[in-house]
Amino acid sequence: MKKYSTIISELDYKIILKVKQLREDKGFSQRELSGEMKLSKSFVGKVEALGQPDKYSIRHLNLIAKALKMKSVIELIPKGVQEYDMIEITYEKVPKLNKDGSESKQFEERIIEIKEIKSNSI
């Protein structure tokens, strides 16, 4: 499999993971959450895709909190201070599986490694 990598702030990455977890727990698809946020249907999918530059802004966090009927935007922010500023995520794209076990034409990203990027490396 071909390997890909992306550089992202650790805080952005953890917020994306938190939103994804909450979205899935509440039964929203990426397109449904994008629609509830009144943004393009592909927005959440682009943010969750490691190869895309899209990220959530403060405004988006408020829209997400409203759409998921949360009490506070703070629930979307990881507790404490993140260990790293920037991280490099190495991943591969693997075919999703259909219900019958066969490979789909769609892909999902599988994380291989996450490592710190030193400040002077950026």
Protein backbone atom coordinates (compact mmCIF):
# COMPACT_ATOMS: atom_id res chain seq x y z
CA MET A 1 0.00 0.00 0.00
CA LYS A 2 1.11 3.54 -0.72
CA LYS A 3 1.86 5.66 2.35
CA TYR A 4 0.73 9.27 2.73
CA SER A 5 1.56 11.86 5.36
CA THR A 6 0.14 15.13 6.56
CA ILE A 7 1.21 17.75 9.09
CA ILE A 8 -1.46 19.11 11.42
CA SER A 9 -1.63 20.70 14.85
CA GLU A 10 -2.22 18.11 17.54
CA LEU A 11 -5.10 20.21 18.89
CA ASP A 12 -6.83 20.34 15.48
CA TYR A 13 -6.42 16.58 15.09
CA LYS A 14 -7.88 15.80 18.51
CA ILE A 15 -10.85 18.13 17.92
CA ILE A 16 -11.53 16.41 14.58
CA LEU A 17 -11.43 12.99 16.31
CA LYS A 18 -13.75 14.22 19.10
CA VAL A 19 -16.29 15.62 16.64
CA LYS A 20 -16.16 12.41 14.60
CA GLN A 21 -16.76 10.29 17.71
CA LEU A 22 -19.70 12.44 18.84
CA ARG A 23 -21.13 12.55 15.31
CA GLU A 24 -21.04 8.76 15.03
CA ASP A 25 -22.38 8.26 18.59
CA LYS A 26 -25.37 10.47 17.74
CA GLY A 27 -25.97 8.68 14.43
CA PHE A 28 -25.09 11.52 12.06
CA SER A 29 -23.40 10.87 8.74
CA GLN A 30 -20.80 13.37 7.57
CA ARG A 31 -23.28 14.78 5.06
CA GLU A 32 -26.04 15.06 7.66
CA LEU A 33 -23.87 16.99 10.10
CA SER A 34 -22.70 19.29 7.29
CA GLY A 35 -26.35 19.93 6.41
CA GLU A 36 -27.28 20.65 10.04
CA MET A 37 -24.42 23.15 10.09
CA LYS A 38 -25.84 24.72 6.90
CA LEU A 39 -22.54 24.19 5.08
CA SER A 40 -21.72 22.32 1.88
CA LYS A 41 -22.65 18.63 2.19
CA SER A 42 -19.00 17.61 1.75
CA PHE A 43 -17.57 19.90 4.46
CA VAL A 44 -17.35 17.47 7.40
CA GLY A 45 -16.00 14.73 5.12
CA LYS A 46 -13.24 17.06 3.94
CA VAL A 47 -12.31 17.98 7.51
CA GLU A 48 -12.19 14.31 8.56
CA ALA A 49 -10.05 13.34 5.54
CA LEU A 50 -6.38 13.55 6.48
CA GLY A 51 -5.30 14.52 2.98
CA GLN A 52 -7.52 17.61 2.87
CA PRO A 53 -6.46 21.00 4.28
CA ASP A 54 -9.93 21.81 5.72
CA LYS A 55 -10.17 22.23 9.51
CA TYR A 56 -12.83 23.37 11.98
CA SER A 57 -12.80 27.02 13.02
CA ILE A 58 -14.23 28.48 16.24
CA ARG A 59 -17.40 29.31 14.28
CA HIS A 60 -17.68 25.70 13.10
CA LEU A 61 -17.37 24.41 16.67
CA ASN A 62 -20.37 26.50 17.68
CA LEU A 63 -22.38 25.18 14.70
CA ILE A 64 -21.38 21.60 15.60
CA ALA A 65 -22.38 22.07 19.25
CA LYS A 66 -25.80 23.37 18.15
CA ALA A 67 -26.32 20.57 15.60
CA LEU A 68 -25.40 17.88 18.15
CA LYS A 69 -27.50 19.59 20.84
CA MET A 70 -24.59 20.02 23.21
CA LYS A 71 -24.60 22.30 26.24
CA SER A 72 -21.24 23.93 25.49
CA VAL A 73 -18.59 24.25 22.79
CA ILE A 74 -16.08 23.36 25.53
CA GLU A 75 -17.22 19.72 25.26
CA LEU A 76 -15.50 19.61 21.85
CA ILE A 77 -12.11 20.75 23.17
CA PRO A 78 -9.68 18.15 24.58
CA LYS A 79 -8.89 18.57 28.28
CA GLY A 80 -5.54 19.96 29.30
CA VAL A 81 -2.73 21.24 27.15
CA GLN A 82 -1.63 19.13 24.20
CA GLU A 83 1.83 17.60 24.40
CA TYR A 84 2.87 18.73 20.90
CA ASP A 85 2.23 21.76 18.73
CA MET A 86 2.47 20.07 15.33
CA ILE A 87 2.39 16.38 14.45
CA GLU A 88 3.02 14.37 11.32
CA ILE A 89 0.52 11.60 10.63
CA THR A 90 1.56 8.79 8.31
CA TYR A 91 -1.35 6.78 6.94
CA GLU A 92 -2.45 4.51 4.14
CA LYS A 93 -5.72 4.34 2.24
CA VAL A 94 -7.38 0.94 2.40
CA PRO A 95 -10.61 -0.17 0.71
CA LYS A 96 -13.70 -0.11 2.90
CA LEU A 97 -15.51 -3.40 3.17
CA ASN A 98 -19.03 -3.95 1.91
CA LYS A 99 -21.57 -5.73 4.13
CA ASP A 100 -20.85 -8.97 2.26
CA GLY A 101 -17.13 -8.68 3.06
CA SER A 102 -16.03 -7.69 -0.44
CA GLU A 103 -13.89 -4.59 -1.02
CA SER A 104 -15.70 -1.34 -1.74
CA LYS A 105 -14.56 1.28 -4.25
CA GLN A 106 -14.44 3.72 -1.33
CA PHE A 107 -11.37 4.04 0.87
CA GLU A 108 -10.72 4.75 4.52
CA GLU A 109 -7.55 6.02 6.11
CA ARG A 110 -5.57 3.77 8.44
CA ILE A 111 -3.06 5.50 10.70
CA ILE A 112 0.43 4.01 10.61
CA GLU A 113 2.32 6.49 12.79
CA ILE A 114 1.94 9.82 14.57
CA LYS A 115 5.07 11.73 15.54
CA GLU A 116 6.00 15.16 16.82
CA ILE A 117 7.28 17.78 14.41
CA LYS A 118 9.95 19.93 16.05
CA SER A 119 9.28 23.68 15.88
CA ASN A 120 12.30 24.39 13.71
CA SER A 121 11.24 21.70 11.19
CA ILE A 122 8.21 23.59 9.87
